[in-house]
């Protein structure tokens, strides 16, 4: 049996060409919580595991940016990051992180 290994570059989602949908819902089958990922498309073909990892990494970063925005300005949620590449998203997250750290 072959093991699938993911490396840090697998979480680079800059090749995303279509944003899909991620649903988190109760599931007894998956230990209480199920995560369904569908509709994401990338420029390069890849394994299902890599596709899933990249999509979840994108969602993680979007949610992180929204949480940081809420900490800086309550109600200051980011409503869309369409058209934003990974470098732009990381820049925003780092600026938010610095603002939060400066306010503490």
PDB file of N, CA and C in Angstrom:
ATOM      1  N   UNK A   1       0.842  -1.181   0.000  1.00  0.00           N
ATOM      2  CA  UNK A   1       0.000   0.000   0.000  1.00  0.00           C
ATOM      3  C   UNK A   1       0.882   1.237   0.000  1.00  0.00           C
ATOM      4  N   UNK A   2       0.611   2.173  -0.885  1.00  0.00           N
ATOM      5  CA  UNK A   2       1.385   3.405  -0.966  1.00  0.00           C
ATOM      6  C   UNK A   2       0.799   4.472  -0.061  1.00  0.00           C
ATOM      7  N   UNK A   3       1.676   5.176   0.636  1.00  0.00           N
ATOM      8  CA  UNK A   3       1.242   6.295   1.456  1.00  0.00           C
ATOM      9  C   UNK A   3       1.278   7.564   0.623  1.00  0.00           C
ATOM     10  N   UNK A   4       0.346   8.461   0.867  1.00  0.00           N
ATOM     11  CA  UNK A   4       0.337   9.758   0.204  1.00  0.00           C
ATOM     12  C   UNK A   4       0.909  10.761   1.185  1.00  0.00           C
ATOM     13  N   UNK A   5       1.941  11.460   0.778  1.00  0.00           N
ATOM     14  CA  UNK A   5       2.548  12.481   1.627  1.00  0.00           C
ATOM     15  C   UNK A   5       2.297  13.848   1.022  1.00  0.00           C
ATOM     16  N   UNK A   6       1.878  14.778   1.859  1.00  0.00           N
ATOM     17  CA  UNK A   6       1.698  16.156   1.434  1.00  0.00           C
ATOM     18  C   UNK A   6       2.844  16.975   1.982  1.00  0.00           C
ATOM     19  N   UNK A   7       3.392  17.829   1.159  1.00  0.00           N
ATOM     20  CA  UNK A   7       4.470  18.710   1.587  1.00  0.00           C
ATOM     21  C   UNK A   7       3.961  20.146   1.566  1.00  0.00           C
ATOM     22  N   UNK A   8       4.739  21.051   2.155  1.00  0.00           N
ATOM     23  CA  UNK A   8       4.284  22.429   2.326  1.00  0.00           C
ATOM     24  C   UNK A   8       3.853  23.071   1.011  1.00  0.00           C
ATOM     25  N   UNK A   9       4.495  22.738  -0.121  1.00  0.00           N
ATOM     26  CA  UNK A   9       4.098  23.344  -1.392  1.00  0.00           C
ATOM     27  C   UNK A   9       2.708  22.902  -1.826  1.00  0.00           C
ATOM     28  N   UNK A  10       2.192  21.797  -1.273  1.00  0.00           N
ATOM     29  CA  UNK A  10       0.843  21.353  -1.597  1.00  0.00           C
ATOM     30  C   UNK A  10      -0.211  22.340  -1.102  1.00  0.00           C
ATOM     31  N   UNK A  11       0.166  23.184  -0.181  1.00  0.00           N
ATOM     32  CA  UNK A  11      -0.789  24.127   0.387  1.00  0.00           C
ATOM     33  C   UNK A  11      -0.721  25.491  -0.290  1.00  0.00           C
ATOM     34  N   UNK A  12       0.041  25.594  -1.369  1.00  0.00           N
ATOM     35  CA  UNK A  12       0.104  26.811  -2.165  1.00  0.00           C
ATOM     36  C   UNK A  12      -1.057  26.765  -3.145  1.00  0.00           C
ATOM     37  N   UNK A  13      -2.059  27.570  -2.921  1.00  0.00           N
ATOM     38  CA  UNK A  13      -3.266  27.528  -3.740  1.00  0.00           C
ATOM     39  C   UNK A  13      -3.296  28.636  -4.781  1.00  0.00           C
ATOM     40  N   UNK A  14      -2.127  29.184  -5.138  1.00  0.00           N
ATOM     41  CA  UNK A  14      -2.082  30.279  -6.101  1.00  0.00           C
ATOM     42  C   UNK A  14      -2.571  29.861  -7.487  1.00  0.00           C
ATOM     43  N   UNK A  15      -2.586  28.560  -7.786  1.00  0.00           N
ATOM     44  CA  UNK A  15      -3.075  28.093  -9.076  1.00  0.00           C
ATOM     45  C   UNK A  15      -4.585  27.908  -9.122  1.00  0.00           C
ATOM     46  N   UNK A  16      -5.302  28.409  -8.118  1.00  0.00           N
ATOM     47  CA  UNK A  16      -6.751  28.248  -8.085  1.00  0.00           C
ATOM     48  C   UNK A  16      -7.378  29.088  -9.193  1.00  0.00           C
ATOM     49  N   UNK A  17      -8.231  28.452 -10.000  1.00  0.00           N
ATOM     50  CA  UNK A  17      -8.910  29.215 -11.047  1.00  0.00           C
ATOM     51  C   UNK A  17     -10.413  29.327 -10.811  1.00  0.00           C
ATOM     52  N   UNK A  18     -10.941  28.557  -9.866  1.00  0.00           N
ATOM     53  CA  UNK A  18     -12.358  28.669  -9.515  1.00  0.00           C
ATOM     54  C   UNK A  18     -12.541  28.374  -8.037  1.00  0.00           C
ATOM     55  N   UNK A  19     -13.210  29.286  -7.352  1.00  0.00           N
ATOM     56  CA  UNK A  19     -13.514  29.093  -5.930  1.00  0.00           C
ATOM     57  C   UNK A  19     -14.747  28.205  -5.830  1.00  0.00           C
ATOM     58  N   UNK A  20     -14.657  27.209  -4.996  1.00  0.00           N
ATOM     59  CA  UNK A  20     -15.762  26.289  -4.789  1.00  0.00           C
ATOM     60  C   UNK A  20     -16.490  26.567  -3.493  1.00  0.00           C
ATOM     61  N   UNK A  21     -16.931  25.514  -2.863  1.00  0.00           N
ATOM     62  CA  UNK A  21     -17.731  25.627  -1.643  1.00  0.00           C
ATOM     63  C   UNK A  21     -17.230  24.615  -0.621  1.00  0.00           C
ATOM     64  N   UNK A  22     -17.176  25.055   0.623  1.00  0.00           N
ATOM     65  CA  UNK A  22     -16.809  24.170   1.728  1.00  0.00           C
ATOM     66  C   UNK A  22     -17.932  24.215   2.738  1.00  0.00           C
ATOM     67  N   UNK A  23     -18.451  23.051   3.069  1.00  0.00           N
ATOM     68  CA  UNK A  23     -19.541  22.942   4.042  1.00  0.00           C
ATOM     69  C   UNK A  23     -19.060  22.151   5.255  1.00  0.00           C
ATOM     70  N   UNK A  24     -19.360  22.685   6.421  1.00  0.00           N
ATOM     71  CA  UNK A  24     -19.057  21.984   7.673  1.00  0.00           C
ATOM     72  C   UNK A  24     -20.403  21.667   8.305  1.00  0.00           C
ATOM     73  N   UNK A  25     -20.621  20.394   8.591  1.00  0.00           N
ATOM     74  CA  UNK A  25     -21.919  19.991   9.115  1.00  0.00           C
ATOM     75  C   UNK A  25     -21.769  18.817  10.079  1.00  0.00           C
ATOM     76  N   UNK A  26     -22.759  18.632  10.944  1.00  0.00           N
ATOM     77  CA  UNK A  26     -22.709  17.493  11.861  1.00  0.00           C
ATOM     78  C   UNK A  26     -22.685  16.179  11.078  1.00  0.00           C
ATOM     79  N   UNK A  27     -21.912  15.230  11.572  1.00  0.00           N
ATOM     80  CA  UNK A  27     -21.826  13.928  10.915  1.00  0.00           C
ATOM     81  C   UNK A  27     -21.406  12.878  11.922  1.00  0.00           C
ATOM     82  N   UNK A  28     -22.261  11.922  12.174  1.00  0.00           N
ATOM     83  CA  UNK A  28     -21.904  10.839  13.079  1.00  0.00           C
ATOM     84  C   UNK A  28     -20.855   9.931  12.448  1.00  0.00           C
ATOM     85  N   UNK A  29     -20.869   9.859  11.130  1.00  0.00           N
ATOM     86  CA  UNK A  29     -19.936   8.996  10.409  1.00  0.00           C
ATOM     87  C   UNK A  29     -18.484   9.459  10.569  1.00  0.00           C
ATOM     88  N   UNK A  30     -18.256  10.757  10.646  1.00  0.00           N
ATOM     89  CA  UNK A  30     -16.896  11.296  10.698  1.00  0.00           C
ATOM     90  C   UNK A  30     -16.548  11.863  12.070  1.00  0.00           C
ATOM     91  N   UNK A  31     -17.004  11.260  13.124  1.00  0.00           N
ATOM     92  CA  UNK A  31     -16.634  11.671  14.469  1.00  0.00           C
ATOM     93  C   UNK A  31     -17.276  12.965  14.936  1.00  0.00           C
ATOM     94  N   UNK A  32     -18.431  13.298  14.424  1.00  0.00           N
ATOM     95  CA  UNK A  32     -19.154  14.466  14.908  1.00  0.00           C
ATOM     96  C   UNK A  32     -19.210  15.628  13.943  1.00  0.00           C
ATOM     97  N   UNK A  33     -18.198  15.772  13.074  1.00  0.00           N
ATOM     98  CA  UNK A  33     -18.176  16.883  12.131  1.00  0.00           C
ATOM     99  C   UNK A  33     -17.718  16.379  10.763  1.00  0.00           C
ATOM    100  N   UNK A  34     -18.456  16.747   9.741  1.00  0.00           N
ATOM    101  CA  UNK A  34     -18.073  16.400   8.380  1.00  0.00           C
ATOM    102  C   UNK A  34     -17.736  17.656   7.598  1.00  0.00           C
ATOM    103  N   UNK A  35     -16.724  17.592   6.772  1.00  0.00           N
ATOM    104  CA  UNK A  35     -16.324  18.715   5.925  1.00  0.00           C
ATOM    105  C   UNK A  35     -16.446  18.258   4.478  1.00  0.00           C
ATOM    106  N   UNK A  36     -17.254  18.965   3.707  1.00  0.00           N
ATOM    107  CA  UNK A  36     -17.470  18.632   2.302  1.00  0.00           C
ATOM    108  C   UNK A  36     -16.890  19.757   1.438  1.00  0.00           C
ATOM    109  N   UNK A  37     -15.988  19.401   0.545  1.00  0.00           N
ATOM    110  CA  UNK A  37     -15.329  20.364  -0.337  1.00  0.00           C
ATOM    111  C   UNK A  37     -15.702  20.019  -1.768  1.00  0.00           C
ATOM    112  N   UNK A  38     -16.220  21.001  -2.508  1.00  0.00           N
ATOM    113  CA  UNK A  38     -16.541  20.743  -3.906  1.00  0.00           C
ATOM    114  C   UNK A  38     -16.528  22.034  -4.727  1.00  0.00           C
ATOM    115  N   UNK A  39     -16.266  21.881  -6.007  1.00  0.00           N
ATOM    116  CA  UNK A  39     -16.342  23.008  -6.928  1.00  0.00           C
ATOM    117  C   UNK A  39     -15.061  23.800  -7.139  1.00  0.00           C
ATOM    118  N   UNK A  40     -13.999  23.498  -6.406  1.00  0.00           N
ATOM    119  CA  UNK A  40     -12.733  24.208  -6.591  1.00  0.00           C
ATOM    120  C   UNK A  40     -12.041  23.668  -7.830  1.00  0.00           C
ATOM    121  N   UNK A  41     -11.394  24.563  -8.576  1.00  0.00           N
ATOM    122  CA  UNK A  41     -10.638  24.139  -9.751  1.00  0.00           C
ATOM    123  C   UNK A  41      -9.258  24.786  -9.713  1.00  0.00           C
ATOM    124  N   UNK A  42      -8.270  24.038 -10.170  1.00  0.00           N
ATOM    125  CA  UNK A  42      -6.881  24.508 -10.196  1.00  0.00           C
ATOM    126  C   UNK A  42      -6.319  24.376 -11.602  1.00  0.00           C
ATOM    127  N   UNK A  43      -5.308  25.181 -11.909  1.00  0.00           N
ATOM    128  CA  UNK A  43      -4.689  25.166 -13.238  1.00  0.00           C
ATOM    129  C   UNK A  43      -4.046  23.829 -13.560  1.00  0.00           C
ATOM    130  N   UNK A  44      -3.409  23.221 -12.590  1.00  0.00           N
ATOM    131  CA  UNK A  44      -2.689  21.964 -12.797  1.00  0.00           C
ATOM    132  C   UNK A  44      -3.473  20.794 -12.200  1.00  0.00           C
ATOM    133  N   UNK A  45      -3.525  19.651 -12.897  1.00  0.00           N
ATOM    134  CA  UNK A  45      -4.163  18.471 -12.309  1.00  0.00           C
ATOM    135  C   UNK A  45      -3.369  17.978 -11.107  1.00  0.00           C
ATOM    136  N   UNK A  46      -4.045  17.403 -10.143  1.00  0.00           N
ATOM    137  CA  UNK A  46      -3.396  16.931  -8.926  1.00  0.00           C
ATOM    138  C   UNK A  46      -4.208  15.816  -8.288  1.00  0.00           C
ATOM    139  N   UNK A  47      -3.653  15.217  -7.251  1.00  0.00           N
ATOM    140  CA  UNK A  47      -4.360  14.141  -6.557  1.00  0.00           C
ATOM    141  C   UNK A  47      -5.533  14.712  -5.773  1.00  0.00           C
ATOM    142  N   UNK A  48      -6.460  13.839  -5.419  1.00  0.00           N
ATOM    143  CA  UNK A  48      -7.613  14.259  -4.616  1.00  0.00           C
ATOM    144  C   UNK A  48      -7.154  14.842  -3.277  1.00  0.00           C
ATOM    145  N   UNK A  49      -6.152  14.208  -2.665  1.00  0.00           N
ATOM    146  CA  UNK A  49      -5.653  14.684  -1.369  1.00  0.00           C
ATOM    147  C   UNK A  49      -5.058  16.083  -1.477  1.00  0.00           C
ATOM    148  N   UNK A  50      -4.287  16.328  -2.526  1.00  0.00           N
ATOM    149  CA  UNK A  50      -3.679  17.642  -2.720  1.00  0.00           C
ATOM    150  C   UNK A  50      -4.749  18.682  -3.020  1.00  0.00           C
ATOM    151  N   UNK A  51      -5.706  18.326  -3.856  1.00  0.00           N
ATOM    152  CA  UNK A  51      -6.812  19.221  -4.194  1.00  0.00           C
ATOM    153  C   UNK A  51      -7.554  19.629  -2.925  1.00  0.00           C
ATOM    154  N   UNK A  52      -7.856  18.653  -2.091  1.00  0.00           N
ATOM    155  CA  UNK A  52      -8.547  18.905  -0.831  1.00  0.00           C
ATOM    156  C   UNK A  52      -7.706  19.778   0.093  1.00  0.00           C
ATOM    157  N   UNK A  53      -6.424  19.456   0.230  1.00  0.00           N
ATOM    158  CA  UNK A  53      -5.538  20.217   1.117  1.00  0.00           C
ATOM    159  C   UNK A  53      -5.434  21.675   0.679  1.00  0.00           C
ATOM    160  N   UNK A  54      -5.298  21.906  -0.626  1.00  0.00           N
ATOM    161  CA  UNK A  54      -5.204  23.282  -1.125  1.00  0.00           C
ATOM    162  C   UNK A  54      -6.495  24.053  -0.873  1.00  0.00           C
ATOM    163  N   UNK A  55      -7.627  23.408  -1.100  1.00  0.00           N
ATOM    164  CA  UNK A  55      -8.919  24.066  -0.891  1.00  0.00           C
ATOM    165  C   UNK A  55      -9.124  24.408   0.580  1.00  0.00           C
ATOM    166  N   UNK A  56      -8.786  23.477   1.464  1.00  0.00           N
ATOM    167  CA  UNK A  56      -8.925  23.731   2.899  1.00  0.00           C
ATOM    168  C   UNK A  56      -7.936  24.791   3.374  1.00  0.00           C
ATOM    169  N   UNK A  57      -6.728  24.803   2.817  1.00  0.00           N
ATOM    170  CA  UNK A  57      -5.747  25.834   3.181  1.00  0.00           C
ATOM    171  C   UNK A  57      -6.250  27.208   2.768  1.00  0.00           C
ATOM    172  N   UNK A  58      -6.865  27.303   1.600  1.00  0.00           N
ATOM    173  CA  UNK A  58      -7.439  28.571   1.148  1.00  0.00           C
ATOM    174  C   UNK A  58      -8.535  29.025   2.121  1.00  0.00           C
ATOM    175  N   UNK A  59      -9.441  28.107   2.468  1.00  0.00           N
ATOM    176  CA  UNK A  59     -10.528  28.447   3.389  1.00  0.00           C
ATOM    177  C   UNK A  59      -9.974  28.858   4.748  1.00  0.00           C
ATOM    178  N   UNK A  60      -8.956  28.149   5.233  1.00  0.00           N
ATOM    179  CA  UNK A  60      -8.321  28.486   6.506  1.00  0.00           C
ATOM    180  C   UNK A  60      -7.804  29.919   6.488  1.00  0.00           C
ATOM    181  N   UNK A  61      -7.136  30.300   5.406  1.00  0.00           N
ATOM    182  CA  UNK A  61      -6.561  31.639   5.327  1.00  0.00           C
ATOM    183  C   UNK A  61      -7.628  32.719   5.195  1.00  0.00           C
ATOM    184  N   UNK A  62      -8.697  32.427   4.448  1.00  0.00           N
ATOM    185  CA  UNK A  62      -9.794  33.387   4.336  1.00  0.00           C
ATOM    186  C   UNK A  62     -10.462  33.586   5.691  1.00  0.00           C
ATOM    187  N   UNK A  63     -10.729  32.485   6.398  1.00  0.00           N
ATOM    188  CA  UNK A  63     -11.351  32.592   7.719  1.00  0.00           C
ATOM    189  C   UNK A  63     -10.434  33.293   8.711  1.00  0.00           C
ATOM    190  N   UNK A  64      -9.143  33.006   8.647  1.00  0.00           N
ATOM    191  CA  UNK A  64      -8.175  33.676   9.518  1.00  0.00           C
ATOM    192  C   UNK A  64      -8.197  35.184   9.270  1.00  0.00           C
ATOM    193  N   UNK A  65      -8.229  35.585   8.006  1.00  0.00           N
ATOM    194  CA  UNK A  65      -8.270  37.014   7.673  1.00  0.00           C
ATOM    195  C   UNK A  65      -9.551  37.653   8.197  1.00  0.00           C
ATOM    196  N   UNK A  66     -10.674  36.941   8.107  1.00  0.00           N
ATOM    197  CA  UNK A  66     -11.937  37.478   8.612  1.00  0.00           C
ATOM    198  C   UNK A  66     -11.910  37.630  10.131  1.00  0.00           C
ATOM    199  N   UNK A  67     -11.365  36.639  10.816  1.00  0.00           N
ATOM    200  CA  UNK A  67     -11.271  36.717  12.278  1.00  0.00           C
ATOM    201  C   UNK A  67     -10.381  37.881  12.684  1.00  0.00           C
ATOM    202  N   UNK A  68      -9.258  38.051  12.005  1.00  0.00           N
ATOM    203  CA  UNK A  68      -8.351  39.168  12.312  1.00  0.00           C
ATOM    204  C   UNK A  68      -9.025  40.508  12.043  1.00  0.00           C
ATOM    205  N   UNK A  69      -9.793  40.597  10.967  1.00  0.00           N
ATOM    206  CA  UNK A  69     -10.516  41.832  10.668  1.00  0.00           C
ATOM    207  C   UNK A  69     -11.545  42.123  11.756  1.00  0.00           C
ATOM    208  N   UNK A  70     -12.204  41.099  12.257  1.00  0.00           N
ATOM    209  CA  UNK A  70     -13.190  41.282  13.335  1.00  0.00           C
ATOM    210  C   UNK A  70     -12.527  41.770  14.608  1.00  0.00           C
ATOM    211  N   UNK A  71     -11.305  41.324  14.871  1.00  0.00           N
ATOM    212  CA  UNK A  71     -10.590  41.762  16.072  1.00  0.00           C
ATOM    213  C   UNK A  71     -10.183  43.228  15.971  1.00  0.00           C
ATOM    214  N   UNK A  72      -9.841  43.661  14.762  1.00  0.00           N
ATOM    215  CA  UNK A  72      -9.410  45.040  14.556  1.00  0.00           C
ATOM    216  C   UNK A  72     -10.610  45.978  14.589  1.00  0.00           C
ATOM    217  N   UNK A  73     -11.649  45.632  13.837  1.00  0.00           N
ATOM    218  CA  UNK A  73     -12.863  46.444  13.762  1.00  0.00           C
ATOM    219  C   UNK A  73     -14.056  45.505  13.843  1.00  0.00           C
ATOM    220  N   UNK A  74     -14.718  45.449  15.013  1.00  0.00           N
ATOM    221  CA  UNK A  74     -15.888  44.573  15.110  1.00  0.00           C
ATOM    222  C   UNK A  74     -16.871  44.864  13.970  1.00  0.00           C
ATOM    223  N   UNK A  75     -17.296  43.813  13.311  1.00  0.00           N
ATOM    224  CA  UNK A  75     -18.169  43.962  12.156  1.00  0.00           C
ATOM    225  C   UNK A  75     -17.392  44.150  10.863  1.00  0.00           C
ATOM    226  N   UNK A  76     -16.056  44.191  10.946  1.00  0.00           N
ATOM    227  CA  UNK A  76     -15.223  44.439   9.778  1.00  0.00           C
ATOM    228  C   UNK A  76     -14.866  43.184   9.039  1.00  0.00           C
ATOM    229  N   UNK A  77     -15.857  42.406   8.689  1.00  0.00           N
ATOM    230  CA  UNK A  77     -15.573  41.141   8.022  1.00  0.00           C
ATOM    231  C   UNK A  77     -15.214  41.361   6.553  1.00  0.00           C
ATOM    232  N   UNK A  78     -14.422  40.473   6.016  1.00  0.00           N
ATOM    233  CA  UNK A  78     -14.071  40.487   4.603  1.00  0.00           C
ATOM    234  C   UNK A  78     -15.158  39.696   3.892  1.00  0.00           C
ATOM    235  N   UNK A  79     -15.850  40.329   2.981  1.00  0.00           N
ATOM    236  CA  UNK A  79     -16.974  39.655   2.333  1.00  0.00           C
ATOM    237  C   UNK A  79     -16.568  38.858   1.112  1.00  0.00           C
ATOM    238  N   UNK A  80     -15.406  39.143   0.532  1.00  0.00           N
ATOM    239  CA  UNK A  80     -14.972  38.402  -0.648  1.00  0.00           C
ATOM    240  C   UNK A  80     -13.478  38.551  -0.830  1.00  0.00           C
ATOM    241  N   UNK A  81     -12.859  37.495  -1.284  1.00  0.00           N
ATOM    242  CA  UNK A  81     -11.441  37.588  -1.652  1.00  0.00           C
ATOM    243  C   UNK A  81     -11.242  37.117  -3.079  1.00  0.00           C
ATOM    244  N   UNK A  82     -12.321  37.124  -3.856  1.00  0.00           N
ATOM    245  CA  UNK A  82     -12.233  36.710  -5.251  1.00  0.00           C
ATOM    246  C   UNK A  82     -11.245  37.595  -5.985  1.00  0.00           C
ATOM    247  N   UNK A  83     -10.388  36.986  -6.762  1.00  0.00           N
ATOM    248  CA  UNK A  83      -9.399  37.740  -7.506  1.00  0.00           C
ATOM    249  C   UNK A  83      -8.152  38.048  -6.701  1.00  0.00           C
ATOM    250  N   UNK A  84      -8.126  37.630  -5.448  1.00  0.00           N
ATOM    251  CA  UNK A  84      -6.971  37.885  -4.589  1.00  0.00           C
ATOM    252  C   UNK A  84      -6.059  36.671  -4.639  1.00  0.00           C
ATOM    253  N   UNK A  85      -4.799  36.891  -4.977  1.00  0.00           N
ATOM    254  CA  UNK A  85      -3.886  35.756  -4.991  1.00  0.00           C
ATOM    255  C   UNK A  85      -3.310  35.533  -3.602  1.00  0.00           C
ATOM    256  N   UNK A  86      -2.546  34.481  -3.461  1.00  0.00           N
ATOM    257  CA  UNK A  86      -2.035  34.096  -2.143  1.00  0.00           C
ATOM    258  C   UNK A  86      -1.149  35.178  -1.534  1.00  0.00           C
ATOM    259  N   UNK A  87      -0.312  35.809  -2.352  1.00  0.00           N
ATOM    260  CA  UNK A  87       0.592  36.852  -1.839  1.00  0.00           C
ATOM    261  C   UNK A  87      -0.214  38.020  -1.276  1.00  0.00           C
ATOM    262  N   UNK A  88      -1.264  38.439  -1.993  1.00  0.00           N
ATOM    263  CA  UNK A  88      -2.108  39.535  -1.512  1.00  0.00           C
ATOM    264  C   UNK A  88      -2.813  39.153  -0.213  1.00  0.00           C
ATOM    265  N   UNK A  89      -3.318  37.917  -0.134  1.00  0.00           N
ATOM    266  CA  UNK A  89      -4.006  37.459   1.066  1.00  0.00           C
ATOM    267  C   UNK A  89      -3.053  37.419   2.254  1.00  0.00           C
ATOM    268  N   UNK A  90      -1.853  36.896   2.056  1.00  0.00           N
ATOM    269  CA  UNK A  90      -0.860  36.840   3.136  1.00  0.00           C
ATOM    270  C   UNK A  90      -0.488  38.246   3.577  1.00  0.00           C
ATOM    271  N   UNK A  91      -0.360  39.180   2.646  1.00  0.00           N
ATOM    272  CA  UNK A  91      -0.045  40.571   2.987  1.00  0.00           C
ATOM    273  C   UNK A  91      -1.122  41.159   3.891  1.00  0.00           C
ATOM    274  N   UNK A  92      -2.381  40.919   3.551  1.00  0.00           N
ATOM    275  CA  UNK A  92      -3.485  41.427   4.372  1.00  0.00           C
ATOM    276  C   UNK A  92      -3.463  40.787   5.756  1.00  0.00           C
ATOM    277  N   UNK A  93      -3.261  39.474   5.796  1.00  0.00           N
ATOM    278  CA  UNK A  93      -3.227  38.773   7.083  1.00  0.00           C
ATOM    279  C   UNK A  93      -2.086  39.313   7.943  1.00  0.00           C
ATOM    280  N   UNK A  94      -0.914  39.512   7.350  1.00  0.00           N
ATOM    281  CA  UNK A  94       0.230  40.026   8.116  1.00  0.00           C
ATOM    282  C   UNK A  94      -0.008  41.446   8.605  1.00  0.00           C
ATOM    283  N   UNK A  95      -0.635  42.291   7.788  1.00  0.00           N
ATOM    284  CA  UNK A  95      -0.956  43.657   8.222  1.00  0.00           C
ATOM    285  C   UNK A  95      -1.949  43.623   9.388  1.00  0.00           C
ATOM    286  N   UNK A  96      -2.944  42.733   9.276  1.00  0.00           N
ATOM    287  CA  UNK A  96      -3.918  42.594  10.364  1.00  0.00           C
ATOM    288  C   UNK A  96      -3.241  42.107  11.632  1.00  0.00           C
ATOM    289  N   UNK A  97      -2.342  41.133  11.483  1.00  0.00           N
ATOM    290  CA  UNK A  97      -1.618  40.589  12.629  1.00  0.00           C
ATOM    291  C   UNK A  97      -0.807  41.689  13.315  1.00  0.00           C
ATOM    292  N   UNK A  98      -0.117  42.518  12.529  1.00  0.00           N
ATOM    293  CA  UNK A  98       0.693  43.611  13.082  1.00  0.00           C
ATOM    294  C   UNK A  98      -0.199  44.615  13.802  1.00  0.00           C
ATOM    295  N   UNK A  99      -1.344  44.958  13.194  1.00  0.00           N
ATOM    296  CA  UNK A  99      -2.266  45.903  13.818  1.00  0.00           C
ATOM    297  C   UNK A  99      -2.759  45.370  15.154  1.00  0.00           C
ATOM    298  N   UNK A 100      -3.085  44.084  15.181  1.00  0.00           N
ATOM    299  CA  UNK A 100      -3.567  43.467  16.429  1.00  0.00           C
ATOM    300  C   UNK A 100      -2.452  43.485  17.469  1.00  0.00           C
ATOM    301  N   UNK A 101      -1.249  43.084  17.076  1.00  0.00           N
ATOM    302  CA  UNK A 101      -0.131  43.053  18.015  1.00  0.00           C
ATOM    303  C   UNK A 101       0.195  44.451  18.545  1.00  0.00           C
ATOM    304  N   UNK A 102       0.098  45.469  17.690  1.00  0.00           N
ATOM    305  CA  UNK A 102       0.352  46.839  18.115  1.00  0.00           C
ATOM    306  C   UNK A 102      -0.699  47.366  19.081  1.00  0.00           C
ATOM    307  N   UNK A 103      -1.919  46.818  18.980  1.00  0.00           N
ATOM    308  CA  UNK A 103      -2.993  47.297  19.844  1.00  0.00           C
ATOM    309  C   UNK A 103      -3.012  46.619  21.213  1.00  0.00           C
ATOM    310  N   UNK A 104      -2.208  45.581  21.366  1.00  0.00           N
ATOM    311  CA  UNK A 104      -2.188  44.842  22.648  1.00  0.00           C
ATOM    312  C   UNK A 104      -1.243  45.481  23.608  1.00  0.00           C
TER     313      UNK A 104
END
